[in-house]
Amino acid sequence: MSARDLIVLGSASAVPTKSRNHNGYLLRWDGHGLLFDPGEGTQRQMAHAGVSAHDVSWICVTHFHGDHCLGVPGIVQRVARDGVEHPVDAAFPASGLHFWERLRHASAFRDTDVIREHPVSGDRATLAEEPFTLVARRLSHPVEAYGYRLEEPDGVTMLPDALAERGVRGPLVRRLQKDGRVEAGGRRVTLEECSVRRPGQKVAFVMDTRVCEGARELADGVDMLVIESTFLHEDEALATEYGHLTSTQAAAIAAGAGVRHLVLTHFSERYKSDDEHRFLDEASRVFGGEITLVHDLDRVPMPPRRVTTGDFLGRSGA
């Protein structure tokens, strides 16, 4: 079975600590690997997590502060050194192209031609449409920053009892899925009679930002929201000044957007391990769903699919 989970390679903010590496998040998605914000030490953290350069198909940089990008040289050179043959797409703010080029060619190595660059500009950008949609949305930070959202297309779940009742079996099932209708037992059978809609899963990745419409739009209706929670509520003024979120603000974005699973990360070094429960306490007062406060090398699975009982897919073609 293909994996869909988040591997946390680092969860600190600007300054790494003894227990938290600089940022790094690998979203595994049916054989694809989206590496978000590789900070310093990401290569080594990948080794600890048991993943390799061959697992990376996207590198998505939200912005060019060092804790979110200084691992790029090592990742690029590892892709080259390990002979990764599949395309590796790289998304980053176009306004920081000069930073990307310095990171991409930070030292001498035998280069690779598999990396395909996608500089992002404007308020919104669509970066991929197959096999999932990947979009970027501008956030609010002292330097230009973007969040990312991955969406799986809606599908259908076939209903075995409805298929059997209408005599649709064997190769006819596949044809029904493909064409939307088949002839079985002397009658036309449509897909809407034998299936329910299966909502596609959605993930949003929101790093350094103040509360803004972009963050809300990215989070809207997602199954999992991975979001920075740099400060506690008592330090909200600092969060606003430096372009960050508190745990309360992150939770409020999740609650307003109808998120299913809230994943908090990117914690300031000013807080100690004894403070961790305070992030959870503050977030849980605002958000009633599942909350995970991550640690390095955690693996966070995607929530189970939403159960759909009556939303039929209308493709009768009548």
C-alpha atoms as a PDB file:
ATOM      1  CA  MET A   1       0.000   0.000   0.000  1.00  0.00           C
ATOM      2  CA  SER A   2       1.340   3.421  -0.908  1.00  0.00           C
ATOM      3  CA  ALA A   3       2.239   5.583   2.060  1.00  0.00           C
ATOM      4  CA  ARG A   4       0.628   8.908   2.847  1.00  0.00           C
ATOM      5  CA  ASP A   5       2.266  10.486   5.839  1.00  0.00           C
ATOM      6  CA  LEU A   6       4.371  13.374   7.070  1.00  0.00           C
ATOM      7  CA  ILE A   7       7.936  12.710   8.223  1.00  0.00           C
ATOM      8  CA  VAL A   8       9.214  15.502  10.460  1.00  0.00           C
ATOM      9  CA  LEU A   9      12.914  16.071   9.807  1.00  0.00           C
ATOM     10  CA  GLY A  10      13.154  19.241  11.881  1.00  0.00           C
ATOM     11  CA  SER A  11      10.791  21.367  13.957  1.00  0.00           C
ATOM     12  CA  ALA A  12      12.744  24.332  15.345  1.00  0.00           C
ATOM     13  CA  SER A  13      12.398  27.909  14.189  1.00  0.00           C
ATOM     14  CA  ALA A  14      15.347  30.276  13.616  1.00  0.00           C
ATOM     15  CA  VAL A  15      17.725  28.582  16.066  1.00  0.00           C
ATOM     16  CA  PRO A  16      18.051  24.784  16.325  1.00  0.00           C
ATOM     17  CA  THR A  17      18.190  23.253  19.791  1.00  0.00           C
ATOM     18  CA  LYS A  18      19.574  20.047  21.260  1.00  0.00           C
ATOM     19  CA  SER A  19      16.249  18.330  20.601  1.00  0.00           C
ATOM     20  CA  ARG A  20      14.962  20.156  17.499  1.00  0.00           C
ATOM     21  CA  ASN A  21      16.743  20.460  14.168  1.00  0.00           C
ATOM     22  CA  HIS A  22      16.127  23.266  11.709  1.00  0.00           C
ATOM     23  CA  ASN A  23      13.010  22.786   9.568  1.00  0.00           C
ATOM     24  CA  GLY A  24      12.464  19.905   7.185  1.00  0.00           C
ATOM     25  CA  TYR A  25       9.261  18.044   6.323  1.00  0.00           C
ATOM     26  CA  LEU A  26       8.824  15.166   3.872  1.00  0.00           C
ATOM     27  CA  LEU A  27       5.242  14.526   2.797  1.00  0.00           C
ATOM     28  CA  ARG A  28       5.059  11.047   1.298  1.00  0.00           C
ATOM     29  CA  TRP A  29       2.183  10.694  -1.118  1.00  0.00           C
ATOM     30  CA  ASP A  30       1.691   7.498  -3.146  1.00  0.00           C
ATOM     31  CA  GLY A  31       5.302   7.197  -4.223  1.00  0.00           C
ATOM     32  CA  HIS A  32       5.902  10.942  -4.428  1.00  0.00           C
ATOM     33  CA  GLY A  33       7.908  12.827  -1.826  1.00  0.00           C
ATOM     34  CA  LEU A  34       7.417  16.539  -1.272  1.00  0.00           C
ATOM     35  CA  LEU A  35      10.276  17.974   0.768  1.00  0.00           C
ATOM     36  CA  PHE A  36       9.249  21.254   2.363  1.00  0.00           C
ATOM     37  CA  ASP A  37      11.761  23.808   3.674  1.00  0.00           C
ATOM     38  CA  PRO A  38      14.974  21.819   4.024  1.00  0.00           C
ATOM     39  CA  GLY A  39      17.014  23.613   6.664  1.00  0.00           C
ATOM     40  CA  GLU A  40      20.518  22.824   7.880  1.00  0.00           C
ATOM     41  CA  GLY A  41      21.038  19.164   8.726  1.00  0.00           C
ATOM     42  CA  THR A  42      18.180  17.864   6.572  1.00  0.00           C
ATOM     43  CA  GLN A  43      20.429  15.309   4.843  1.00  0.00           C
ATOM     44  CA  ARG A  44      21.424  13.742   8.147  1.00  0.00           C
ATOM     45  CA  GLN A  45      17.880  13.820   9.475  1.00  0.00           C
ATOM     46  CA  MET A  46      16.760  11.960   6.356  1.00  0.00           C
ATOM     47  CA  ALA A  47      19.310   9.250   7.154  1.00  0.00           C
ATOM     48  CA  HIS A  48      17.921   8.975  10.693  1.00  0.00           C
ATOM     49  CA  ALA A  49      14.385   8.766   9.265  1.00  0.00           C
ATOM     50  CA  GLY A  50      15.326   6.048   6.764  1.00  0.00           C
ATOM     51  CA  VAL A  51      14.527   8.061   3.639  1.00  0.00           C
ATOM     52  CA  SER A  52      16.838   8.997   0.773  1.00  0.00           C
ATOM     53  CA  ALA A  53      17.229  11.435  -2.095  1.00  0.00           C
ATOM     54  CA  HIS A  54      15.408   8.922  -4.278  1.00  0.00           C
ATOM     55  CA  ASP A  55      12.288   9.558  -2.172  1.00  0.00           C
ATOM     56  CA  VAL A  56      12.227  13.253  -3.111  1.00  0.00           C
ATOM     57  CA  SER A  57      10.216  14.378  -6.134  1.00  0.00           C
ATOM     58  CA  TRP A  58       9.497  17.986  -5.074  1.00  0.00           C
ATOM     59  CA  ILE A  59      11.502  20.569  -3.122  1.00  0.00           C
ATOM     60  CA  CYS A  60       9.170  23.332  -1.935  1.00  0.00           C
ATOM     61  CA  VAL A  61      10.744  26.364  -0.281  1.00  0.00           C
ATOM     62  CA  THR A  62       8.358  28.767   1.411  1.00  0.00           C
ATOM     63  CA  HIS A  63      10.867  31.629   1.729  1.00  0.00           C
ATOM     64  CA  PHE A  64      14.569  32.340   1.920  1.00  0.00           C
ATOM     65  CA  HIS A  65      15.235  32.730   5.618  1.00  0.00           C
ATOM     66  CA  GLY A  66      18.082  30.382   6.473  1.00  0.00           C
ATOM     67  CA  ASP A  67      16.189  27.980   8.719  1.00  0.00           C
ATOM     68  CA  HIS A  68      13.962  27.147   5.763  1.00  0.00           C
ATOM     69  CA  CYS A  69      16.502  26.787   2.958  1.00  0.00           C
ATOM     70  CA  LEU A  70      20.126  26.271   4.049  1.00  0.00           C
ATOM     71  CA  GLY A  71      19.728  22.524   3.537  1.00  0.00           C
ATOM     72  CA  VAL A  72      19.067  22.999  -0.193  1.00  0.00           C
ATOM     73  CA  PRO A  73      22.744  22.657  -1.260  1.00  0.00           C
ATOM     74  CA  GLY A  74      23.117  19.309   0.464  1.00  0.00           C
ATOM     75  CA  ILE A  75      19.833  17.970  -0.912  1.00  0.00           C
ATOM     76  CA  VAL A  76      20.633  19.063  -4.475  1.00  0.00           C
ATOM     77  CA  GLN A  77      24.106  17.580  -4.309  1.00  0.00           C
ATOM     78  CA  ARG A  78      22.756  14.361  -2.817  1.00  0.00           C
ATOM     79  CA  VAL A  79      20.239  14.085  -5.665  1.00  0.00           C
ATOM     80  CA  ALA A  80      23.180  14.382  -8.064  1.00  0.00           C
ATOM     81  CA  ARG A  81      25.550  12.103  -6.144  1.00  0.00           C
ATOM     82  CA  ASP A  82      22.984   9.333  -5.697  1.00  0.00           C
ATOM     83  CA  GLY A  83      22.071   9.368  -9.382  1.00  0.00           C
ATOM     84  CA  VAL A  84      18.381  10.172  -8.942  1.00  0.00           C
ATOM     85  CA  GLU A  85      16.891   9.707 -12.408  1.00  0.00           C
ATOM     86  CA  HIS A  86      13.328  10.939 -11.957  1.00  0.00           C
ATOM     87  CA  PRO A  87      12.480  14.655 -12.247  1.00  0.00           C
ATOM     88  CA  VAL A  88      12.758  16.664  -9.045  1.00  0.00           C
ATOM     89  CA  ASP A  89      10.619  19.795  -9.235  1.00  0.00           C
ATOM     90  CA  ALA A  90      11.679  22.801  -7.179  1.00  0.00           C
ATOM     91  CA  ALA A  91       9.233  25.563  -6.160  1.00  0.00           C
ATOM     92  CA  PHE A  92      10.356  28.778  -4.483  1.00  0.00           C
ATOM     93  CA  PRO A  93       9.500  32.505  -4.443  1.00  0.00           C
ATOM     94  CA  ALA A  94      10.602  34.074  -7.718  1.00  0.00           C
ATOM     95  CA  SER A  95      11.678  37.196  -5.833  1.00  0.00           C
ATOM     96  CA  GLY A  96      14.392  35.082  -4.196  1.00  0.00           C
ATOM     97  CA  LEU A  97      15.738  33.578  -7.424  1.00  0.00           C
ATOM     98  CA  HIS A  98      19.220  34.944  -6.673  1.00  0.00           C
ATOM     99  CA  PHE A  99      19.172  33.103  -3.327  1.00  0.00           C
ATOM    100  CA  TRP A 100      18.013  29.901  -5.024  1.00  0.00           C
ATOM    101  CA  GLU A 101      20.811  30.099  -7.570  1.00  0.00           C
ATOM    102  CA  ARG A 102      23.413  30.589  -4.836  1.00  0.00           C
ATOM    103  CA  LEU A 103      22.044  27.627  -2.887  1.00  0.00           C
ATOM    104  CA  ARG A 104      21.635  25.467  -5.980  1.00  0.00           C
ATOM    105  CA  HIS A 105      25.304  26.024  -6.915  1.00  0.00           C
ATOM    106  CA  ALA A 106      26.807  26.630  -3.470  1.00  0.00           C
ATOM    107  CA  SER A 107      29.907  24.506  -4.078  1.00  0.00           C
ATOM    108  CA  ALA A 108      31.664  22.383  -6.671  1.00  0.00           C
ATOM    109  CA  PHE A 109      29.979  19.079  -7.539  1.00  0.00           C
ATOM    110  CA  ARG A 110      29.042  17.002 -10.564  1.00  0.00           C
ATOM    111  CA  ASP A 111      25.693  18.579 -11.349  1.00  0.00           C
ATOM    112  CA  THR A 112      22.404  16.951 -12.272  1.00  0.00           C
ATOM    113  CA  ASP A 113      19.850  17.919 -14.912  1.00  0.00           C
ATOM    114  CA  VAL A 114      16.805  16.338 -13.228  1.00  0.00           C
ATOM    115  CA  ILE A 115      15.876  19.436 -11.202  1.00  0.00           C
ATOM    116  CA  ARG A 116      13.115  21.495 -12.814  1.00  0.00           C
ATOM    117  CA  GLU A 117      12.641  24.973 -11.393  1.00  0.00           C
ATOM    118  CA  HIS A 118       9.243  26.605 -10.753  1.00  0.00           C
ATOM    119  CA  PRO A 119       9.689  30.174  -9.484  1.00  0.00           C
ATOM    120  CA  VAL A 120       6.444  31.336  -7.848  1.00  0.00           C
ATOM    121  CA  SER A 121       5.059  34.856  -8.218  1.00  0.00           C
ATOM    122  CA  GLY A 122       1.735  36.624  -7.745  1.00  0.00           C
ATOM    123  CA  ASP A 123      -0.833  35.978  -5.055  1.00  0.00           C
ATOM    124  CA  ARG A 124      -1.552  32.437  -6.254  1.00  0.00           C
ATOM    125  CA  ALA A 125       0.109  29.907  -8.526  1.00  0.00           C
ATOM    126  CA  THR A 126      -0.748  26.402  -9.690  1.00  0.00           C
ATOM    127  CA  LEU A 127       2.387  24.285  -9.836  1.00  0.00           C
ATOM    128  CA  ALA A 128       1.008  20.863 -10.744  1.00  0.00           C
ATOM    129  CA  GLU A 129      -2.321  19.340 -11.749  1.00  0.00           C
ATOM    130  CA  GLU A 130      -1.407  15.655 -12.070  1.00  0.00           C
ATOM    131  CA  PRO A 131      -1.428  13.284 -10.208  1.00  0.00           C
ATOM    132  CA  PHE A 132      -2.426  15.883  -7.590  1.00  0.00           C
ATOM    133  CA  THR A 133      -2.991  19.606  -7.672  1.00  0.00           C
ATOM    134  CA  LEU A 134      -0.263  21.620  -5.968  1.00  0.00           C
ATOM    135  CA  VAL A 135      -0.898  25.318  -5.454  1.00  0.00           C
ATOM    136  CA  ALA A 136       1.038  28.109  -3.757  1.00  0.00           C
ATOM    137  CA  ARG A 137      -0.485  31.115  -1.990  1.00  0.00           C
ATOM    138  CA  ARG A 138       1.297  34.238  -0.782  1.00  0.00           C
ATOM    139  CA  LEU A 139       1.508  34.725   2.989  1.00  0.00           C
ATOM    140  CA  SER A 140       2.441  37.674   5.244  1.00  0.00           C
ATOM    141  CA  HIS A 141       6.076  37.696   6.377  1.00  0.00           C
ATOM    142  CA  PRO A 142       8.881  40.300   6.343  1.00  0.00           C
ATOM    143  CA  VAL A 143      10.296  38.596   3.224  1.00  0.00           C
ATOM    144  CA  GLU A 144       8.088  37.193   0.475  1.00  0.00           C
ATOM    145  CA  ALA A 145       6.738  33.827   1.576  1.00  0.00           C
ATOM    146  CA  TYR A 146       4.329  31.262   0.172  1.00  0.00           C
ATOM    147  CA  GLY A 147       2.366  28.381   1.619  1.00  0.00           C
ATOM    148  CA  TYR A 148       1.520  25.223  -0.313  1.00  0.00           C
ATOM    149  CA  ARG A 149      -1.603  23.105  -0.664  1.00  0.00           C
ATOM    150  CA  LEU A 150      -1.863  19.613  -2.158  1.00  0.00           C
ATOM    151  CA  GLU A 151      -5.225  18.300  -3.328  1.00  0.00           C
ATOM    152  CA  GLU A 152      -6.142  14.850  -4.554  1.00  0.00           C
ATOM    153  CA  PRO A 153      -8.924  14.775  -7.186  1.00  0.00           C
ATOM    154  CA  ASP A 154     -12.265  13.443  -6.013  1.00  0.00           C
ATOM    155  CA  GLY A 155     -12.912   9.824  -6.940  1.00  0.00           C
ATOM    156  CA  VAL A 156     -15.645   7.260  -6.479  1.00  0.00           C
ATOM    157  CA  THR A 157     -16.200   4.294  -4.197  1.00  0.00           C
ATOM    158  CA  MET A 158     -18.057   1.430  -5.860  1.00  0.00           C
ATOM    159  CA  LEU A 159     -20.940  -0.182  -3.961  1.00  0.00           C
ATOM    160  CA  PRO A 160     -20.688  -3.996  -4.228  1.00  0.00           C
ATOM    161  CA  ASP A 161     -24.357  -4.628  -3.375  1.00  0.00           C
ATOM    162  CA  ALA A 162     -25.560  -2.166  -6.016  1.00  0.00           C
ATOM    163  CA  LEU A 163     -23.256  -3.719  -8.616  1.00  0.00           C
ATOM    164  CA  ALA A 164     -24.447  -7.240  -7.808  1.00  0.00           C
ATOM    165  CA  GLU A 165     -28.109  -6.195  -7.863  1.00  0.00           C
ATOM    166  CA  ARG A 166     -27.665  -4.834 -11.407  1.00  0.00           C
ATOM    167  CA  GLY A 167     -25.561  -7.729 -12.663  1.00  0.00           C
ATOM    168  CA  VAL A 168     -22.402  -5.667 -13.136  1.00  0.00           C
ATOM    169  CA  ARG A 169     -19.348  -7.818 -12.514  1.00  0.00           C
ATOM    170  CA  GLY A 170     -15.891  -8.598 -13.830  1.00  0.00           C
ATOM    171  CA  PRO A 171     -14.638  -6.368 -16.672  1.00  0.00           C
ATOM    172  CA  LEU A 172     -17.936  -4.472 -16.692  1.00  0.00           C
ATOM    173  CA  VAL A 173     -17.033  -2.828 -13.386  1.00  0.00           C
ATOM    174  CA  ARG A 174     -13.891  -1.268 -14.839  1.00  0.00           C
ATOM    175  CA  ARG A 175     -15.780  -0.172 -17.934  1.00  0.00           C
ATOM    176  CA  LEU A 176     -18.480   1.397 -15.762  1.00  0.00           C
ATOM    177  CA  GLN A 177     -15.809   3.345 -13.865  1.00  0.00           C
ATOM    178  CA  LYS A 178     -14.223   4.512 -17.099  1.00  0.00           C
ATOM    179  CA  ASP A 179     -17.269   5.270 -19.272  1.00  0.00           C
ATOM    180  CA  GLY A 180     -19.904   6.104 -16.665  1.00  0.00           C
ATOM    181  CA  ARG A 181     -22.417   3.598 -18.091  1.00  0.00           C
ATOM    182  CA  VAL A 182     -22.627  -0.019 -19.292  1.00  0.00           C
ATOM    183  CA  GLU A 183     -25.236  -2.438 -20.588  1.00  0.00           C
ATOM    184  CA  ALA A 184     -25.886  -5.315 -18.173  1.00  0.00           C
ATOM    185  CA  GLY A 185     -28.794  -7.791 -18.145  1.00  0.00           C
ATOM    186  CA  GLY A 186     -30.548  -5.928 -20.937  1.00  0.00           C
ATOM    187  CA  ARG A 187     -30.555  -2.551 -19.218  1.00  0.00           C
ATOM    188  CA  ARG A 188     -28.329   0.490 -18.973  1.00  0.00           C
ATOM    189  CA  VAL A 189     -26.557   0.889 -15.634  1.00  0.00           C
ATOM    190  CA  THR A 190     -24.997   4.223 -14.692  1.00  0.00           C
ATOM    191  CA  LEU A 191     -22.108   4.952 -12.394  1.00  0.00           C
ATOM    192  CA  GLU A 192     -24.256   7.115 -10.127  1.00  0.00           C
ATOM    193  CA  GLU A 193     -26.424   4.069  -9.323  1.00  0.00           C
ATOM    194  CA  CYS A 194     -23.452   2.036  -8.126  1.00  0.00           C
ATOM    195  CA  SER A 195     -21.077   4.467  -6.438  1.00  0.00           C
ATOM    196  CA  VAL A 196     -20.657   7.293  -3.989  1.00  0.00           C
ATOM    197  CA  ARG A 197     -18.276  10.197  -4.286  1.00  0.00           C
ATOM    198  CA  ARG A 198     -14.940   9.748  -2.538  1.00  0.00           C
ATOM    199  CA  PRO A 199     -13.597  13.178  -1.554  1.00  0.00           C
ATOM    200  CA  GLY A 200      -9.949  13.646  -2.394  1.00  0.00           C
ATOM    201  CA  GLN A 201      -7.591  14.165   0.520  1.00  0.00           C
ATOM    202  CA  LYS A 202      -6.014  17.590   1.061  1.00  0.00           C
ATOM    203  CA  VAL A 203      -2.949  18.844   2.917  1.00  0.00           C
ATOM    204  CA  ALA A 204      -1.769  22.415   3.559  1.00  0.00           C
ATOM    205  CA  PHE A 205       1.694  23.538   4.587  1.00  0.00           C
ATOM    206  CA  VAL A 206       1.812  27.007   6.169  1.00  0.00           C
ATOM    207  CA  MET A 207       5.102  28.272   7.545  1.00  0.00           C
ATOM    208  CA  ASP A 208       6.240  31.738   8.561  1.00  0.00           C
ATOM    209  CA  THR A 209       3.326  34.150   8.389  1.00  0.00           C
ATOM    210  CA  ARG A 210       1.070  36.456  10.314  1.00  0.00           C
ATOM    211  CA  VAL A 211      -2.661  35.752  10.299  1.00  0.00           C
ATOM    212  CA  CYS A 212      -3.731  36.487   6.730  1.00  0.00           C
ATOM    213  CA  GLU A 213      -6.233  35.506   4.070  1.00  0.00           C
ATOM    214  CA  GLY A 214      -3.632  33.390   2.307  1.00  0.00           C
ATOM    215  CA  ALA A 215      -3.215  31.140   5.340  1.00  0.00           C
ATOM    216  CA  ARG A 216      -6.989  30.766   5.675  1.00  0.00           C
ATOM    217  CA  GLU A 217      -7.380  29.937   1.994  1.00  0.00           C
ATOM    218  CA  LEU A 218      -4.665  27.293   2.083  1.00  0.00           C
ATOM    219  CA  ALA A 219      -6.199  25.678   5.183  1.00  0.00           C
ATOM    220  CA  ASP A 220      -9.779  25.629   3.907  1.00  0.00           C
ATOM    221  CA  GLY A 221     -11.253  22.159   4.397  1.00  0.00           C
ATOM    222  CA  VAL A 222      -7.961  20.256   4.489  1.00  0.00           C
ATOM    223  CA  ASP A 223      -7.526  16.892   6.151  1.00  0.00           C
ATOM    224  CA  MET A 224      -4.149  17.917   7.583  1.00  0.00           C
ATOM    225  CA  LEU A 225      -2.788  21.403   8.256  1.00  0.00           C
ATOM    226  CA  VAL A 226       0.941  21.611   9.009  1.00  0.00           C
ATOM    227  CA  ILE A 227       1.401  25.083  10.425  1.00  0.00           C
ATOM    228  CA  GLU A 228       3.959  27.130  12.325  1.00  0.00           C
ATOM    229  CA  SER A 229       3.309  27.789  15.995  1.00  0.00           C
ATOM    230  CA  THR A 230       6.386  29.816  16.861  1.00  0.00           C
ATOM    231  CA  PHE A 231       5.077  31.669  19.926  1.00  0.00           C
ATOM    232  CA  LEU A 232       2.733  31.226  22.840  1.00  0.00           C
ATOM    233  CA  HIS A 233      -0.221  33.594  23.198  1.00  0.00           C
ATOM    234  CA  GLU A 234       1.558  35.719  25.798  1.00  0.00           C
ATOM    235  CA  ASP A 235       4.081  36.680  23.094  1.00  0.00           C
ATOM    236  CA  GLU A 236       1.536  37.639  20.437  1.00  0.00           C
ATOM    237  CA  ALA A 237       3.122  41.087  20.011  1.00  0.00           C
ATOM    238  CA  LEU A 238       6.437  39.457  19.120  1.00  0.00           C
ATOM    239  CA  ALA A 239       4.674  37.130  16.697  1.00  0.00           C
ATOM    240  CA  THR A 240       3.119  40.064  14.891  1.00  0.00           C
ATOM    241  CA  GLU A 241       6.379  42.023  14.832  1.00  0.00           C
ATOM    242  CA  TYR A 242       8.395  39.164  13.346  1.00  0.00           C
ATOM    243  CA  GLY A 243       5.693  37.808  11.063  1.00  0.00           C
ATOM    244  CA  HIS A 244       4.767  34.626  12.900  1.00  0.00           C
ATOM    245  CA  LEU A 245       1.820  32.858  14.524  1.00  0.00           C
ATOM    246  CA  THR A 246       1.020  31.917  18.084  1.00  0.00           C
ATOM    247  CA  SER A 247      -0.439  28.527  18.909  1.00  0.00           C
ATOM    248  CA  THR A 248      -3.787  30.204  19.520  1.00  0.00           C
ATOM    249  CA  GLN A 249      -3.727  31.922  16.130  1.00  0.00           C
ATOM    250  CA  ALA A 250      -2.740  28.718  14.329  1.00  0.00           C
ATOM    251  CA  ALA A 251      -5.588  26.886  16.027  1.00  0.00           C
ATOM    252  CA  ALA A 252      -8.061  29.656  15.149  1.00  0.00           C
ATOM    253  CA  ILE A 253      -7.082  29.381  11.479  1.00  0.00           C
ATOM    254  CA  ALA A 254      -7.661  25.625  11.660  1.00  0.00           C
ATOM    255  CA  ALA A 255     -11.004  25.982  13.422  1.00  0.00           C
ATOM    256  CA  GLY A 256     -12.289  28.582  10.978  1.00  0.00           C
ATOM    257  CA  ALA A 257     -11.187  26.497   7.992  1.00  0.00           C
ATOM    258  CA  GLY A 258     -12.766  23.206   9.096  1.00  0.00           C
ATOM    259  CA  VAL A 259      -9.415  21.381   9.335  1.00  0.00           C
ATOM    260  CA  ARG A 260      -9.506  17.782  10.541  1.00  0.00           C
ATOM    261  CA  HIS A 261      -5.968  17.339  11.916  1.00  0.00           C
ATOM    262  CA  LEU A 262      -3.874  20.263  13.141  1.00  0.00           C
ATOM    263  CA  VAL A 263      -0.104  19.718  13.168  1.00  0.00           C
ATOM    264  CA  LEU A 264       1.879  22.314  15.128  1.00  0.00           C
ATOM    265  CA  THR A 265       5.593  22.900  14.482  1.00  0.00           C
ATOM    266  CA  HIS A 266       8.345  25.569  14.143  1.00  0.00           C
ATOM    267  CA  PHE A 267       8.816  26.358  17.831  1.00  0.00           C
ATOM    268  CA  SER A 268      10.966  29.197  19.121  1.00  0.00           C
ATOM    269  CA  GLU A 269      14.070  28.232  21.092  1.00  0.00           C
ATOM    270  CA  ARG A 270      12.936  30.594  23.877  1.00  0.00           C
ATOM    271  CA  TYR A 271      10.591  27.844  25.120  1.00  0.00           C
ATOM    272  CA  LYS A 272      11.751  24.721  26.924  1.00  0.00           C
ATOM    273  CA  SER A 273      10.384  21.190  26.785  1.00  0.00           C
ATOM    274  CA  ASP A 274       8.348  21.912  29.925  1.00  0.00           C
ATOM    275  CA  ASP A 275       6.430  24.521  27.910  1.00  0.00           C
ATOM    276  CA  GLU A 276       5.212  22.114  25.250  1.00  0.00           C
ATOM    277  CA  HIS A 277       1.955  21.357  27.015  1.00  0.00           C
ATOM    278  CA  ARG A 278       1.134  25.071  26.952  1.00  0.00           C
ATOM    279  CA  PHE A 279       1.094  25.063  23.129  1.00  0.00           C
ATOM    280  CA  LEU A 280      -1.346  22.170  23.183  1.00  0.00           C
ATOM    281  CA  ASP A 281      -3.445  23.697  25.944  1.00  0.00           C
ATOM    282  CA  GLU A 282      -3.788  26.999  24.100  1.00  0.00           C
ATOM    283  CA  ALA A 283      -4.573  25.364  20.768  1.00  0.00           C
ATOM    284  CA  SER A 284      -7.153  22.982  22.233  1.00  0.00           C
ATOM    285  CA  ARG A 285      -9.124  25.864  23.709  1.00  0.00           C
ATOM    286  CA  VAL A 286      -9.780  27.086  20.178  1.00  0.00           C
ATOM    287  CA  PHE A 287      -9.688  23.963  18.003  1.00  0.00           C
ATOM    288  CA  GLY A 288     -11.719  20.883  18.859  1.00  0.00           C
ATOM    289  CA  GLY A 289     -10.213  18.449  16.363  1.00  0.00           C
ATOM    290  CA  GLU A 290      -7.107  16.289  16.536  1.00  0.00           C
ATOM    291  CA  ILE A 291      -3.907  18.177  17.391  1.00  0.00           C
ATOM    292  CA  THR A 292      -0.343  16.908  17.102  1.00  0.00           C
ATOM    293  CA  LEU A 293       2.626  18.829  18.485  1.00  0.00           C
ATOM    294  CA  VAL A 294       5.484  17.322  16.530  1.00  0.00           C
ATOM    295  CA  HIS A 295       9.016  16.333  17.462  1.00  0.00           C
ATOM    296  CA  ASP A 296      11.888  15.548  15.132  1.00  0.00           C
ATOM    297  CA  LEU A 297      11.566  12.207  13.319  1.00  0.00           C
ATOM    298  CA  ASP A 298       7.866  11.887  14.114  1.00  0.00           C
ATOM    299  CA  ARG A 299       5.698  10.279  11.450  1.00  0.00           C
ATOM    300  CA  VAL A 300       2.203  11.679  11.218  1.00  0.00           C
ATOM    301  CA  PRO A 301      -0.211   9.596   9.109  1.00  0.00           C
ATOM    302  CA  MET A 302      -2.912  11.160   6.996  1.00  0.00           C
ATOM    303  CA  PRO A 303      -6.331  10.961   8.657  1.00  0.00           C
ATOM    304  CA  PRO A 304      -8.615   8.188   7.374  1.00  0.00           C
ATOM    305  CA  ARG A 305     -10.713   9.195   4.416  1.00  0.00           C
ATOM    306  CA  ARG A 306     -13.945  10.997   5.080  1.00  0.00           C
ATOM    307  CA  VAL A 307     -16.910   8.640   4.998  1.00  0.00           C
ATOM    308  CA  THR A 308     -19.459   9.607   2.348  1.00  0.00           C
ATOM    309  CA  THR A 309     -22.844   7.952   2.571  1.00  0.00           C
ATOM    310  CA  GLY A 310     -25.104   9.684   0.111  1.00  0.00           C
ATOM    311  CA  ASP A 311     -23.236  12.044  -2.177  1.00  0.00           C
ATOM    312  CA  PHE A 312     -23.690  10.229  -5.473  1.00  0.00           C
ATOM    313  CA  LEU A 313     -21.599  11.116  -8.489  1.00  0.00           C
ATOM    314  CA  GLY A 314     -23.933  12.203 -11.295  1.00  0.00           C
ATOM    315  CA  ARG A 315     -22.530  10.772 -14.516  1.00  0.00           C
ATOM    316  CA  SER A 316     -25.536   9.068 -16.026  1.00  0.00           C
ATOM    317  CA  GLY A 317     -25.096  10.850 -19.354  1.00  0.00           C
ATOM    318  CA  ALA A 318     -28.814  10.803 -19.932  1.00  0.00           C
END
